[in-house]
C-alpha atoms as a PDB file:
ATOM      1  CA  MET A   1       0.000   0.000   0.000  1.00  0.00           C
ATOM      2  CA  SER A   2       1.337   3.454  -0.825  1.00  0.00           C
ATOM      3  CA  ALA A   3       0.175   6.932   0.038  1.00  0.00           C
ATOM      4  CA  GLU A   4       0.729  10.274  -1.541  1.00  0.00           C
ATOM      5  CA  ILE A   5       0.807  13.454   0.506  1.00  0.00           C
ATOM      6  CA  ILE A   6      -0.808  16.419  -1.192  1.00  0.00           C
ATOM      7  CA  PRO A   7      -0.128  19.751   0.510  1.00  0.00           C
ATOM      8  CA  ILE A   8      -3.236  21.879   0.837  1.00  0.00           C
ATOM      9  CA  PRO A   9      -2.486  25.604   0.841  1.00  0.00           C
ATOM     10  CA  ARG A  10      -3.928  27.775   3.593  1.00  0.00           C
ATOM     11  CA  ALA A  11      -6.898  29.816   2.457  1.00  0.00           C
ATOM     12  CA  PHE A  12      -6.204  32.643   4.882  1.00  0.00           C
ATOM     13  CA  ARG A  13      -3.460  35.074   5.741  1.00  0.00           C
ATOM     14  CA  LEU A  14      -1.824  34.830   9.135  1.00  0.00           C
ATOM     15  CA  VAL A  15       0.111  37.189  11.403  1.00  0.00           C
ATOM     16  CA  ILE A  16       2.017  35.247  14.046  1.00  0.00           C
ATOM     17  CA  ILE A  17       3.599  36.256  17.344  1.00  0.00           C
ATOM     18  CA  GLN A  18       6.386  34.062  18.667  1.00  0.00           C
ATOM     19  CA  PRO A  19       9.010  34.433  21.393  1.00  0.00           C
ATOM     20  CA  CYS A  20      12.584  35.310  20.450  1.00  0.00           C
ATOM     21  CA  GLN A  21      15.699  36.459  22.306  1.00  0.00           C
ATOM     22  CA  GLU A  22      14.772  40.151  22.071  1.00  0.00           C
ATOM     23  CA  GLY A  23      11.162  39.601  23.202  1.00  0.00           C
ATOM     24  CA  PHE A  24       8.453  38.710  20.675  1.00  0.00           C
ATOM     25  CA  ALA A  25       8.807  38.542  16.899  1.00  0.00           C
ATOM     26  CA  ILE A  26       5.853  39.361  14.649  1.00  0.00           C
ATOM     27  CA  ALA A  27       5.726  37.921  11.121  1.00  0.00           C
ATOM     28  CA  TYR A  28       3.250  37.775   8.233  1.00  0.00           C
ATOM     29  CA  LEU A  29       2.581  34.413   6.554  1.00  0.00           C
ATOM     30  CA  PRO A  30       0.781  34.837   3.211  1.00  0.00           C
ATOM     31  CA  PRO A  31      -1.288  31.917   1.814  1.00  0.00           C
ATOM     32  CA  GLU A  32       1.208  31.288  -0.994  1.00  0.00           C
ATOM     33  CA  GLY A  33       3.987  30.600   1.528  1.00  0.00           C
ATOM     34  CA  GLY A  34       7.024  32.451   2.758  1.00  0.00           C
ATOM     35  CA  ARG A  35       7.446  34.725   5.743  1.00  0.00           C
ATOM     36  CA  LYS A  36       7.724  38.493   6.065  1.00  0.00           C
ATOM     37  CA  PRO A  37       9.083  39.863   9.378  1.00  0.00           C
ATOM     38  CA  LEU A  38       7.049  42.802  10.694  1.00  0.00           C
ATOM     39  CA  GLY A  39       8.982  43.678  13.824  1.00  0.00           C
ATOM     40  CA  VAL A  40      10.089  42.759  17.323  1.00  0.00           C
ATOM     41  CA  ARG A  41       8.614  44.011  20.601  1.00  0.00           C
ATOM     42  CA  SER A  42       9.932  43.519  24.124  1.00  0.00           C
ATOM     43  CA  ASP A  43       6.595  42.692  25.784  1.00  0.00           C
ATOM     44  CA  LEU A  44       3.555  40.656  24.766  1.00  0.00           C
ATOM     45  CA  ALA A  45       1.056  43.523  24.979  1.00  0.00           C
ATOM     46  CA  ALA A  46       3.059  45.641  22.532  1.00  0.00           C
ATOM     47  CA  ALA A  47       3.500  42.625  20.239  1.00  0.00           C
ATOM     48  CA  ARG A  48      -0.264  41.978  20.210  1.00  0.00           C
ATOM     49  CA  LEU A  49      -0.935  45.639  19.447  1.00  0.00           C
ATOM     50  CA  LEU A  50       1.501  45.642  16.506  1.00  0.00           C
ATOM     51  CA  ALA A  51       0.146  42.327  15.190  1.00  0.00           C
ATOM     52  CA  GLY A  52      -3.446  43.598  15.379  1.00  0.00           C
ATOM     53  CA  ASN A  53      -2.554  46.822  13.579  1.00  0.00           C
ATOM     54  CA  GLU A  54      -0.706  44.969  10.819  1.00  0.00           C
ATOM     55  CA  ALA A  55      -3.550  42.450  10.412  1.00  0.00           C
ATOM     56  CA  PHE A  56      -6.000  45.342  10.053  1.00  0.00           C
ATOM     57  CA  LYS A  57      -3.807  46.949   7.361  1.00  0.00           C
ATOM     58  CA  ILE A  58      -3.519  43.655   5.445  1.00  0.00           C
ATOM     59  CA  GLY A  59      -7.250  42.868   5.708  1.00  0.00           C
ATOM     60  CA  LYS A  60      -8.972  39.497   6.265  1.00  0.00           C
ATOM     61  CA  CYS A  61      -6.086  38.269   8.351  1.00  0.00           C
ATOM     62  CA  ARG A  62      -5.867  36.127  11.499  1.00  0.00           C
ATOM     63  CA  VAL A  63      -3.544  36.803  14.426  1.00  0.00           C
ATOM     64  CA  GLN A  64      -2.062  33.795  16.193  1.00  0.00           C
ATOM     65  CA  VAL A  65       0.152  33.698  19.296  1.00  0.00           C
ATOM     66  CA  LEU A  66       2.356  30.616  18.948  1.00  0.00           C
ATOM     67  CA  ALA A  67       3.617  30.718  22.557  1.00  0.00           C
ATOM     68  CA  ASP A  68       4.218  33.358  25.155  1.00  0.00           C
ATOM     69  CA  GLY A  69       7.461  31.791  26.373  1.00  0.00           C
ATOM     70  CA  GLY A  70       6.396  32.286  29.972  1.00  0.00           C
ATOM     71  CA  ARG A  71       6.622  36.065  29.494  1.00  0.00           C
ATOM     72  CA  ALA A  72       3.473  38.086  29.993  1.00  0.00           C
END
């Protein structure tokens, strides 16, 4: 028996927040793939604010926090 994996592209745009050494990195992930860095903020509240503003500018975009790294 064999199986073939067919990648299904995401139908939505995504702005992600993830922890990094400087604080929290914000990046845009378009449906066609790739990654566009949008900035770095030192605290989670500022990162959420930036991510929300960028998602509003892009339009029809989801914001996802991947992990808070124990920093709130």
